[in-house]
Amino acid sequence: MSIYRKLLTTGSKFIGAHKLLKVGLNLSPMYKRSTAKVVSISEDMLHITIKLPISYKNRNYMNSIFGGSMFAAVDPIPMMQFINLLGNNYVVWDKSAEIIFKQPAHEDLYASFDCTKEEIDKIKERIKKENSILIVKETLLTNKKGTVIYCRVNKTIYIADKTYFKNRKALKEVQ
């Protein structure tokens, strides 16, 4: 178990997991370097909002937000959201990502990561039948009003039953 998971598990006993995850992400060196900030996480963790302010730390040669900052701002959120929504009986990994730049960003960017309880239930049902699945989550980086799309990120996420995953891993080690 990573240090981040241990801190979240322990700290959640004292303050809400959603609050701790927000503070933890905003303080973690890996996420701080993206120059983004987690603005809000709903108590049920179904909704997360981030802001990527344009600054001297993320401007590129063309004076717009560096594409790497756009991707880094989005990268960890879907996987961490699913880890927390699904619970300890599942393995969740990023499998791949696709980033599509629509236009240069010369203003602060925002992204929302939304799941529904129905989506989580469907994932659990599929895993009962299939043991492991791939899902694709799309995230849009937009202006504050959400009317201009600057970037689209499609994250492919691997989700498996933890017992199935461990048995599969053990089988590979024996072969």
N, C-alpha and C. Protein backbone atom coordinates (compact mmCIF):
# COMPACT_ATOMS: atom_id res chain seq x y z
N MET A 1 0.86 -1.18 0.00
CA MET A 1 0.00 0.00 0.00
C MET A 1 0.90 1.24 0.00
N SER A 2 0.59 2.19 -0.87
CA SER A 2 1.40 3.39 -0.98
C SER A 2 1.23 4.28 0.25
N ILE A 3 2.18 5.18 0.43
CA ILE A 3 2.10 6.13 1.54
C ILE A 3 0.84 6.98 1.42
N TYR A 4 0.45 7.31 0.18
CA TYR A 4 -0.75 8.13 -0.02
C TYR A 4 -2.01 7.39 0.42
N ARG A 5 -2.10 6.09 0.09
CA ARG A 5 -3.26 5.29 0.51
C ARG A 5 -3.29 5.15 2.03
N LYS A 6 -2.13 4.93 2.65
CA LYS A 6 -2.07 4.80 4.11
C LYS A 6 -2.53 6.09 4.78
N LEU A 7 -2.05 7.23 4.28
CA LEU A 7 -2.46 8.51 4.85
C LEU A 7 -3.95 8.74 4.69
N LEU A 8 -4.48 8.40 3.52
CA LEU A 8 -5.92 8.58 3.28
C LEU A 8 -6.75 7.68 4.19
N THR A 9 -6.33 6.42 4.32
CA THR A 9 -7.06 5.48 5.17
C THR A 9 -7.04 5.93 6.62
N THR A 10 -5.87 6.32 7.11
CA THR A 10 -5.75 6.75 8.51
C THR A 10 -6.43 8.08 8.75
N GLY A 11 -6.16 9.05 7.88
CA GLY A 11 -6.71 10.39 8.05
C GLY A 11 -8.21 10.46 7.89
N SER A 12 -8.78 9.54 7.11
CA SER A 12 -10.23 9.53 6.88
C SER A 12 -11.01 9.28 8.16
N LYS A 13 -10.35 8.70 9.14
CA LYS A 13 -11.02 8.44 10.42
C LYS A 13 -11.28 9.73 11.18
N PHE A 14 -10.52 10.78 10.86
CA PHE A 14 -10.62 12.03 11.60
C PHE A 14 -11.34 13.13 10.81
N ILE A 15 -11.10 13.17 9.51
CA ILE A 15 -11.81 14.11 8.64
C ILE A 15 -12.29 13.34 7.41
N GLY A 16 -13.22 13.88 6.69
CA GLY A 16 -13.76 13.18 5.52
C GLY A 16 -12.70 12.83 4.49
N ALA A 17 -12.84 11.67 3.88
CA ALA A 17 -11.89 11.22 2.86
C ALA A 17 -11.82 12.23 1.71
N HIS A 18 -12.97 12.82 1.35
CA HIS A 18 -12.98 13.79 0.25
C HIS A 18 -12.14 15.03 0.58
N LYS A 19 -12.20 15.49 1.82
CA LYS A 19 -11.40 16.65 2.24
C LYS A 19 -9.92 16.30 2.25
N LEU A 20 -9.62 15.13 2.78
CA LEU A 20 -8.23 14.70 2.86
C LEU A 20 -7.63 14.48 1.47
N LEU A 21 -8.40 13.92 0.55
CA LEU A 21 -7.92 13.71 -0.81
C LEU A 21 -7.64 15.05 -1.50
N LYS A 22 -8.51 16.01 -1.30
CA LYS A 22 -8.31 17.34 -1.88
C LYS A 22 -7.03 17.98 -1.36
N VAL A 23 -6.87 17.99 -0.05
CA VAL A 23 -5.67 18.58 0.55
C VAL A 23 -4.43 17.80 0.13
N GLY A 24 -4.54 16.47 0.16
CA GLY A 24 -3.40 15.63 -0.20
C GLY A 24 -2.94 15.85 -1.64
N LEU A 25 -3.88 15.91 -2.56
CA LEU A 25 -3.51 16.16 -3.96
C LEU A 25 -2.87 17.54 -4.12
N ASN A 26 -3.48 18.54 -3.51
CA ASN A 26 -2.96 19.90 -3.66
C ASN A 26 -1.59 20.09 -3.01
N LEU A 27 -1.25 19.27 -2.03
CA LEU A 27 0.06 19.37 -1.39
C LEU A 27 1.10 18.41 -1.96
N SER A 28 0.66 17.39 -2.68
CA SER A 28 1.61 16.39 -3.17
C SER A 28 2.51 16.99 -4.25
N PRO A 29 3.80 16.73 -4.14
CA PRO A 29 4.74 17.29 -5.12
C PRO A 29 4.41 16.91 -6.56
N MET A 30 3.96 15.67 -6.77
CA MET A 30 3.66 15.23 -8.14
C MET A 30 2.55 16.08 -8.76
N TYR A 31 1.53 16.41 -7.99
CA TYR A 31 0.42 17.18 -8.55
C TYR A 31 0.71 18.68 -8.57
N LYS A 32 1.43 19.17 -7.57
CA LYS A 32 1.77 20.59 -7.54
C LYS A 32 2.53 21.01 -8.78
N ARG A 33 3.38 20.12 -9.28
CA ARG A 33 4.18 20.45 -10.47
C ARG A 33 3.33 20.66 -11.71
N SER A 34 2.12 20.12 -11.72
CA SER A 34 1.23 20.33 -12.88
C SER A 34 0.75 21.77 -12.92
N THR A 35 0.85 22.46 -11.81
CA THR A 35 0.36 23.83 -11.55
C THR A 35 -1.15 23.90 -11.39
N ALA A 36 -1.83 22.76 -11.39
CA ALA A 36 -3.28 22.74 -11.20
C ALA A 36 -3.62 22.64 -9.71
N LYS A 37 -4.87 22.91 -9.41
CA LYS A 37 -5.38 22.78 -8.04
C LYS A 37 -6.72 22.07 -8.09
N VAL A 38 -6.93 21.19 -7.13
CA VAL A 38 -8.25 20.60 -6.95
C VAL A 38 -9.09 21.64 -6.24
N VAL A 39 -10.17 22.06 -6.88
CA VAL A 39 -11.04 23.09 -6.34
C VAL A 39 -12.06 22.49 -5.39
N SER A 40 -12.65 21.36 -5.80
CA SER A 40 -13.67 20.74 -4.95
C SER A 40 -13.77 19.24 -5.22
N ILE A 41 -14.14 18.52 -4.17
CA ILE A 41 -14.46 17.10 -4.26
C ILE A 41 -15.74 16.92 -3.44
N SER A 42 -16.76 16.37 -4.07
CA SER A 42 -18.01 16.16 -3.34
C SER A 42 -17.79 15.10 -2.26
N GLU A 43 -18.61 15.16 -1.24
CA GLU A 43 -18.48 14.22 -0.12
C GLU A 43 -18.56 12.77 -0.57
N ASP A 44 -19.39 12.50 -1.59
CA ASP A 44 -19.51 11.13 -2.10
C ASP A 44 -18.45 10.80 -3.16
N MET A 45 -17.61 11.75 -3.48
CA MET A 45 -16.50 11.65 -4.44
C MET A 45 -16.95 11.41 -5.88
N LEU A 46 -18.21 11.63 -6.16
CA LEU A 46 -18.72 11.45 -7.52
C LEU A 46 -18.38 12.65 -8.42
N HIS A 47 -18.05 13.79 -7.81
CA HIS A 47 -17.77 15.01 -8.58
C HIS A 47 -16.48 15.66 -8.08
N ILE A 48 -15.56 15.87 -8.99
CA ILE A 48 -14.30 16.53 -8.67
C ILE A 48 -14.10 17.64 -9.70
N THR A 49 -13.67 18.81 -9.24
CA THR A 49 -13.39 19.94 -10.12
C THR A 49 -11.97 20.42 -9.88
N ILE A 50 -11.27 20.70 -10.99
CA ILE A 50 -9.91 21.24 -10.89
C ILE A 50 -9.83 22.55 -11.66
N LYS A 51 -8.81 23.33 -11.32
CA LYS A 51 -8.51 24.58 -12.03
C LYS A 51 -7.04 24.55 -12.41
N LEU A 52 -6.75 24.93 -13.65
CA LEU A 52 -5.38 25.06 -14.12
C LEU A 52 -5.18 26.52 -14.51
N PRO A 53 -4.65 27.32 -13.56
CA PRO A 53 -4.47 28.75 -13.87
C PRO A 53 -3.28 28.94 -14.81
N ILE A 54 -3.41 29.87 -15.73
CA ILE A 54 -2.28 30.18 -16.59
C ILE A 54 -1.30 31.04 -15.78
N SER A 55 -0.03 30.68 -15.84
CA SER A 55 0.98 31.41 -15.09
C SER A 55 2.34 31.26 -15.78
N TYR A 56 3.32 31.96 -15.26
CA TYR A 56 4.67 31.85 -15.82
C TYR A 56 5.21 30.43 -15.68
N LYS A 57 4.66 29.64 -14.76
CA LYS A 57 5.15 28.27 -14.53
C LYS A 57 4.68 27.30 -15.61
N ASN A 58 3.64 27.65 -16.36
CA ASN A 58 3.13 26.69 -17.35
C ASN A 58 2.94 27.28 -18.75
N ARG A 59 3.47 28.46 -18.98
CA ARG A 59 3.37 29.04 -20.33
C ARG A 59 4.44 28.44 -21.23
N ASN A 60 4.05 28.16 -22.46
CA ASN A 60 5.01 27.61 -23.41
C ASN A 60 5.60 28.72 -24.29
N TYR A 61 6.32 28.31 -25.31
CA TYR A 61 6.99 29.23 -26.22
C TYR A 61 6.01 30.17 -26.91
N MET A 62 4.78 29.72 -27.10
CA MET A 62 3.76 30.52 -27.78
C MET A 62 2.88 31.31 -26.80
N ASN A 63 3.28 31.31 -25.53
CA ASN A 63 2.59 32.07 -24.47
C ASN A 63 1.21 31.51 -24.13
N SER A 64 0.97 30.24 -24.46
CA SER A 64 -0.26 29.57 -24.06
C SER A 64 0.10 28.48 -23.04
N ILE A 65 -0.89 27.83 -22.46
CA ILE A 65 -0.61 26.81 -21.44
C ILE A 65 0.04 25.60 -22.11
N PHE A 66 1.16 25.19 -21.55
CA PHE A 66 1.92 24.03 -22.01
C PHE A 66 1.04 22.78 -21.98
N GLY A 67 1.05 22.02 -23.07
CA GLY A 67 0.23 20.82 -23.16
C GLY A 67 0.52 19.81 -22.08
N GLY A 68 1.76 19.70 -21.66
CA GLY A 68 2.13 18.78 -20.59
C GLY A 68 1.45 19.15 -19.27
N SER A 69 1.28 20.43 -19.02
CA SER A 69 0.57 20.87 -17.81
C SER A 69 -0.91 20.50 -17.90
N MET A 70 -1.47 20.63 -19.11
CA MET A 70 -2.88 20.24 -19.28
C MET A 70 -3.07 18.77 -18.96
N PHE A 71 -2.18 17.94 -19.52
CA PHE A 71 -2.32 16.51 -19.28
C PHE A 71 -2.05 16.16 -17.82
N ALA A 72 -1.00 16.73 -17.23
CA ALA A 72 -0.64 16.43 -15.84
C ALA A 72 -1.75 16.84 -14.88
N ALA A 73 -2.49 17.89 -15.21
CA ALA A 73 -3.58 18.35 -14.35
C ALA A 73 -4.71 17.33 -14.30
N VAL A 74 -4.92 16.63 -15.42
CA VAL A 74 -6.01 15.67 -15.54
C VAL A 74 -5.58 14.27 -15.14
N ASP A 75 -4.34 13.92 -15.40
CA ASP A 75 -3.85 12.54 -15.33
C ASP A 75 -4.25 11.72 -14.11
N PRO A 76 -3.99 12.14 -12.88
CA PRO A 76 -4.25 11.23 -11.75
C PRO A 76 -5.70 11.15 -11.29
N ILE A 77 -6.52 12.09 -11.70
CA ILE A 77 -7.85 12.23 -11.10
C ILE A 77 -8.78 11.04 -11.39
N PRO A 78 -9.00 10.62 -12.65
CA PRO A 78 -9.96 9.53 -12.86
C PRO A 78 -9.59 8.24 -12.12
N MET A 79 -8.32 7.87 -12.16
CA MET A 79 -7.91 6.64 -11.48
C MET A 79 -8.15 6.75 -9.97
N MET A 80 -7.74 7.86 -9.38
CA MET A 80 -7.93 8.03 -7.93
C MET A 80 -9.41 8.09 -7.57
N GLN A 81 -10.20 8.69 -8.43
CA GLN A 81 -11.64 8.76 -8.19
C GLN A 81 -12.24 7.34 -8.16
N PHE A 82 -11.89 6.52 -9.15
CA PHE A 82 -12.41 5.15 -9.20
C PHE A 82 -11.89 4.30 -8.04
N ILE A 83 -10.65 4.46 -7.66
CA ILE A 83 -10.12 3.72 -6.51
C ILE A 83 -10.98 3.99 -5.28
N ASN A 84 -11.31 5.24 -5.08
CA ASN A 84 -12.09 5.61 -3.89
C ASN A 84 -13.57 5.26 -4.02
N LEU A 85 -14.11 5.32 -5.22
CA LEU A 85 -15.52 4.99 -5.40
C LEU A 85 -15.78 3.48 -5.36
N LEU A 86 -14.85 2.69 -5.88
CA LEU A 86 -15.07 1.24 -5.95
C LEU A 86 -14.70 0.53 -4.66
N GLY A 87 -13.69 1.00 -3.95
CA GLY A 87 -13.31 0.37 -2.69
C GLY A 87 -12.17 -0.62 -2.85
N ASN A 88 -11.88 -1.31 -1.76
CA ASN A 88 -10.69 -2.17 -1.66
C ASN A 88 -10.79 -3.51 -2.37
N ASN A 89 -11.94 -3.88 -2.88
CA ASN A 89 -12.08 -5.18 -3.55
C ASN A 89 -11.73 -5.14 -5.03
N TYR A 90 -11.21 -3.99 -5.48
CA TYR A 90 -10.92 -3.82 -6.91
C TYR A 90 -9.50 -3.30 -7.11
N VAL A 91 -8.92 -3.64 -8.25
CA VAL A 91 -7.64 -3.10 -8.68
C VAL A 91 -7.94 -2.11 -9.79
N VAL A 92 -7.38 -0.91 -9.69
CA VAL A 92 -7.61 0.14 -10.68
C VAL A 92 -6.26 0.67 -11.15
N TRP A 93 -6.05 0.65 -12.47
CA TRP A 93 -4.80 1.15 -13.06
C TRP A 93 -5.11 1.96 -14.30
N ASP A 94 -4.29 3.00 -14.53
CA ASP A 94 -4.34 3.68 -15.82
C ASP A 94 -3.74 2.74 -16.86
N LYS A 95 -4.40 2.60 -17.98
CA LYS A 95 -3.92 1.73 -19.06
C LYS A 95 -3.31 2.56 -20.19
N SER A 96 -4.02 3.61 -20.60
CA SER A 96 -3.50 4.47 -21.65
C SER A 96 -4.22 5.81 -21.61
N ALA A 97 -3.71 6.75 -22.38
CA ALA A 97 -4.32 8.08 -22.44
C ALA A 97 -4.14 8.66 -23.84
N GLU A 98 -5.10 9.46 -24.21
CA GLU A 98 -5.05 10.18 -25.48
C GLU A 98 -5.40 11.63 -25.17
N ILE A 99 -4.58 12.54 -25.67
CA ILE A 99 -4.85 13.96 -25.46
C ILE A 99 -5.02 14.62 -26.82
N ILE A 100 -6.09 15.37 -26.94
CA ILE A 100 -6.41 16.04 -28.20
C ILE A 100 -6.50 17.53 -27.92
N PHE A 101 -5.56 18.28 -28.47
CA PHE A 101 -5.56 19.72 -28.29
C PHE A 101 -6.49 20.35 -29.32
N LYS A 102 -7.41 21.16 -28.86
CA LYS A 102 -8.38 21.79 -29.74
C LYS A 102 -7.93 23.19 -30.17
N GLN A 103 -7.39 23.94 -29.22
CA GLN A 103 -6.89 25.28 -29.51
C GLN A 103 -5.99 25.75 -28.36
N PRO A 104 -5.12 26.73 -28.62
CA PRO A 104 -4.24 27.22 -27.55
C PRO A 104 -5.05 27.86 -26.42
N ALA A 105 -4.58 27.64 -25.20
CA ALA A 105 -5.27 28.19 -24.02
C ALA A 105 -4.50 29.39 -23.49
N HIS A 106 -5.16 30.54 -23.53
CA HIS A 106 -4.57 31.78 -23.03
C HIS A 106 -5.34 32.29 -21.81
N GLU A 107 -6.05 31.38 -21.14
CA GLU A 107 -6.80 31.73 -19.94
C GLU A 107 -6.83 30.52 -19.00
N ASP A 108 -7.28 30.74 -17.78
CA ASP A 108 -7.38 29.64 -16.82
C ASP A 108 -8.30 28.55 -17.37
N LEU A 109 -7.94 27.30 -17.08
CA LEU A 109 -8.74 26.17 -17.55
C LEU A 109 -9.38 25.46 -16.37
N TYR A 110 -10.49 24.77 -16.64
CA TYR A 110 -11.25 24.04 -15.63
C TYR A 110 -11.63 22.67 -16.19
N ALA A 111 -11.74 21.70 -15.29
CA ALA A 111 -12.19 20.37 -15.69
C ALA A 111 -13.04 19.79 -14.58
N SER A 112 -14.07 19.05 -14.98
CA SER A 112 -14.92 18.34 -14.04
C SER A 112 -14.83 16.85 -14.32
N PHE A 113 -14.77 16.08 -13.25
CA PHE A 113 -14.71 14.62 -13.33
C PHE A 113 -15.96 14.11 -12.63
N ASP A 114 -16.89 13.59 -13.41
CA ASP A 114 -18.19 13.20 -12.87
C ASP A 114 -18.46 11.73 -13.09
N CYS A 115 -18.95 11.09 -12.06
CA CYS A 115 -19.42 9.70 -12.12
C CYS A 115 -20.82 9.69 -11.50
N THR A 116 -21.54 8.64 -11.80
CA THR A 116 -22.85 8.45 -11.17
C THR A 116 -22.83 7.13 -10.40
N LYS A 117 -23.73 7.01 -9.45
CA LYS A 117 -23.85 5.75 -8.72
C LYS A 117 -24.23 4.62 -9.67
N GLU A 118 -25.04 4.94 -10.67
CA GLU A 118 -25.42 3.93 -11.67
C GLU A 118 -24.20 3.45 -12.46
N GLU A 119 -23.30 4.37 -12.80
CA GLU A 119 -22.08 4.00 -13.52
C GLU A 119 -21.22 3.06 -12.67
N ILE A 120 -21.09 3.37 -11.40
CA ILE A 120 -20.30 2.53 -10.49
C ILE A 120 -20.96 1.15 -10.36
N ASP A 121 -22.28 1.12 -10.22
CA ASP A 121 -22.99 -0.16 -10.13
C ASP A 121 -22.79 -1.00 -11.39
N LYS A 122 -22.85 -0.37 -12.56
CA LYS A 122 -22.65 -1.09 -13.84
C LYS A 122 -21.23 -1.65 -13.93
N ILE A 123 -20.26 -0.88 -13.48
CA ILE A 123 -18.87 -1.36 -13.48
C ILE A 123 -18.75 -2.60 -12.60
N LYS A 124 -19.32 -2.54 -11.41
CA LYS A 124 -19.26 -3.69 -10.50
C LYS A 124 -19.95 -4.91 -11.09
N GLU A 125 -21.08 -4.71 -11.75
CA GLU A 125 -21.79 -5.83 -12.39
C GLU A 125 -20.97 -6.43 -13.52
N ARG A 126 -20.36 -5.58 -14.33
CA ARG A 126 -19.52 -6.08 -15.43
C ARG A 126 -18.34 -6.88 -14.89
N ILE A 127 -17.76 -6.42 -13.80
CA ILE A 127 -16.60 -7.11 -13.24
C ILE A 127 -17.02 -8.46 -12.66
N LYS A 128 -18.21 -8.54 -12.10
CA LYS A 128 -18.71 -9.84 -11.62
C LYS A 128 -18.76 -10.85 -12.75
N LYS A 129 -19.12 -10.39 -13.94
CA LYS A 129 -19.26 -11.27 -15.10
C LYS A 129 -17.93 -11.48 -15.84
N GLU A 130 -17.12 -10.42 -15.96
CA GLU A 130 -15.94 -10.45 -16.81
C GLU A 130 -14.60 -10.50 -16.06
N ASN A 131 -14.61 -10.30 -14.76
CA ASN A 131 -13.42 -10.26 -13.90
C ASN A 131 -12.56 -9.01 -14.07
N SER A 132 -12.36 -8.56 -15.29
CA SER A 132 -11.61 -7.33 -15.52
C SER A 132 -12.17 -6.63 -16.76
N ILE A 133 -12.12 -5.30 -16.73
CA ILE A 133 -12.67 -4.52 -17.84
C ILE A 133 -11.78 -3.31 -18.11
N LEU A 134 -11.98 -2.73 -19.27
CA LEU A 134 -11.40 -1.44 -19.61
C LEU A 134 -12.55 -0.46 -19.81
N ILE A 135 -12.40 0.73 -19.24
CA ILE A 135 -13.39 1.78 -19.47
C ILE A 135 -12.65 3.03 -19.95
N VAL A 136 -13.32 3.88 -20.68
CA VAL A 136 -12.73 5.12 -21.16
C VAL A 136 -13.51 6.28 -20.53
N LYS A 137 -12.76 7.17 -19.89
CA LYS A 137 -13.37 8.38 -19.31
C LYS A 137 -12.84 9.59 -20.07
N GLU A 138 -13.75 10.42 -20.51
CA GLU A 138 -13.38 11.63 -21.24
C GLU A 138 -13.43 12.82 -20.30
N THR A 139 -12.42 13.67 -20.41
CA THR A 139 -12.38 14.90 -19.63
C THR A 139 -12.12 16.05 -20.57
N LEU A 140 -12.84 17.13 -20.39
CA LEU A 140 -12.66 18.33 -21.20
C LEU A 140 -12.05 19.43 -20.34
N LEU A 141 -11.03 20.07 -20.89
CA LEU A 141 -10.47 21.27 -20.26
C LEU A 141 -11.11 22.46 -20.97
N THR A 142 -11.82 23.29 -20.18
CA THR A 142 -12.61 24.38 -20.75
C THR A 142 -12.30 25.70 -20.05
N ASN A 143 -12.92 26.76 -20.55
CA ASN A 143 -12.86 28.03 -19.83
C ASN A 143 -13.78 27.95 -18.61
N LYS A 144 -13.82 29.02 -17.83
CA LYS A 144 -14.60 29.00 -16.59
C LYS A 144 -16.09 28.72 -16.83
N LYS A 145 -16.64 29.24 -17.91
CA LYS A 145 -18.05 29.05 -18.22
C LYS A 145 -18.33 27.67 -18.81
N GLY A 146 -17.28 26.96 -19.23
CA GLY A 146 -17.45 25.65 -19.83
C GLY A 146 -17.88 25.72 -21.29
N THR A 147 -17.75 26.89 -21.89
CA THR A 147 -18.24 27.08 -23.26
C THR A 147 -17.17 26.88 -24.33
N VAL A 148 -15.91 26.99 -23.97
CA VAL A 148 -14.83 26.83 -24.94
C VAL A 148 -13.99 25.62 -24.53
N ILE A 149 -13.84 24.67 -25.44
CA ILE A 149 -13.04 23.48 -25.17
C ILE A 149 -11.64 23.68 -25.73
N TYR A 150 -10.65 23.59 -24.86
CA TYR A 150 -9.26 23.75 -25.27
C TYR A 150 -8.57 22.40 -25.48
N CYS A 151 -9.03 21.40 -24.74
CA CYS A 151 -8.34 20.12 -24.77
C CYS A 151 -9.30 19.01 -24.33
N ARG A 152 -9.13 17.83 -24.93
CA ARG A 152 -9.92 16.66 -24.57
C ARG A 152 -8.92 15.56 -24.18
N VAL A 153 -9.15 14.93 -23.04
CA VAL A 153 -8.29 13.83 -22.59
C VAL A 153 -9.17 12.60 -22.41
N ASN A 154 -8.80 11.52 -23.08
CA ASN A 154 -9.48 10.23 -22.94
C ASN A 154 -8.56 9.29 -22.18
N LYS A 155 -8.98 8.87 -21.01
CA LYS A 155 -8.18 7.96 -20.19
C LYS A 155 -8.82 6.58 -20.24
N THR A 156 -8.02 5.58 -20.61
CA THR A 156 -8.48 4.20 -20.56
C THR A 156 -8.02 3.62 -19.23
N ILE A 157 -8.97 3.11 -18.47
CA ILE A 157 -8.69 2.63 -17.12
C ILE A 157 -9.03 1.15 -17.03
N TYR A 158 -8.08 0.39 -16.47
CA TYR A 158 -8.25 -1.04 -16.23
C TYR A 158 -8.82 -1.21 -14.84
N ILE A 159 -9.89 -1.99 -14.71
CA ILE A 159 -10.49 -2.27 -13.40
C ILE A 159 -10.71 -3.78 -13.32
N ALA A 160 -10.28 -4.38 -12.21
CA ALA A 160 -10.41 -5.83 -12.04
C ALA A 160 -10.81 -6.16 -10.61
N ASP A 161 -11.42 -7.32 -10.48
CA ASP A 161 -11.67 -7.90 -9.17
C ASP A 161 -10.30 -8.19 -8.55
N LYS A 162 -10.09 -7.80 -7.30
CA LYS A 162 -8.77 -7.93 -6.68
C LYS A 162 -8.32 -9.39 -6.57
N THR A 163 -9.22 -10.29 -6.22
CA THR A 163 -8.87 -11.71 -6.11
C THR A 163 -8.48 -12.26 -7.48
N TYR A 164 -9.25 -11.94 -8.49
CA TYR A 164 -8.93 -12.37 -9.86
C TYR A 164 -7.55 -11.85 -10.26
N PHE A 165 -7.29 -10.58 -9.99
CA PHE A 165 -6.02 -9.95 -10.36
C PHE A 165 -4.84 -10.64 -9.66
N LYS A 166 -4.99 -10.90 -8.36
CA LYS A 166 -3.90 -11.56 -7.61
C LYS A 166 -3.66 -12.97 -8.13
N ASN A 167 -4.72 -13.71 -8.40
CA ASN A 167 -4.57 -15.08 -8.92
C ASN A 167 -3.93 -15.07 -10.30
N ARG A 168 -4.32 -14.13 -11.14
CA ARG A 168 -3.74 -14.00 -12.48
C ARG A 168 -2.26 -13.68 -12.40
N LYS A 169 -1.91 -12.79 -11.48
CA LYS A 169 -0.52 -12.39 -11.29
C LYS A 169 0.30 -13.59 -10.79
N ALA A 170 -0.25 -14.34 -9.83
CA ALA A 170 0.45 -15.51 -9.29
C ALA A 170 0.65 -16.56 -10.39
N LEU A 171 -0.34 -16.74 -11.23
CA LEU A 171 -0.24 -17.70 -12.31
C LEU A 171 0.87 -17.32 -13.29
N LYS A 172 1.00 -16.04 -13.58
CA LYS A 172 2.06 -15.56 -14.48
C LYS A 172 3.44 -15.82 -13.88
N GLU A 173 3.56 -15.67 -12.55
CA GLU A 173 4.85 -15.90 -11.89
C GLU A 173 5.25 -17.37 -11.94
N VAL A 174 4.27 -18.28 -11.90
CA VAL A 174 4.55 -19.72 -11.93
C VAL A 174 5.00 -20.15 -13.33
N GLN A 175 4.44 -19.56 -14.35
CA GLN A 175 4.75 -19.96 -15.74
C GLN A 175 6.11 -19.54 -16.18
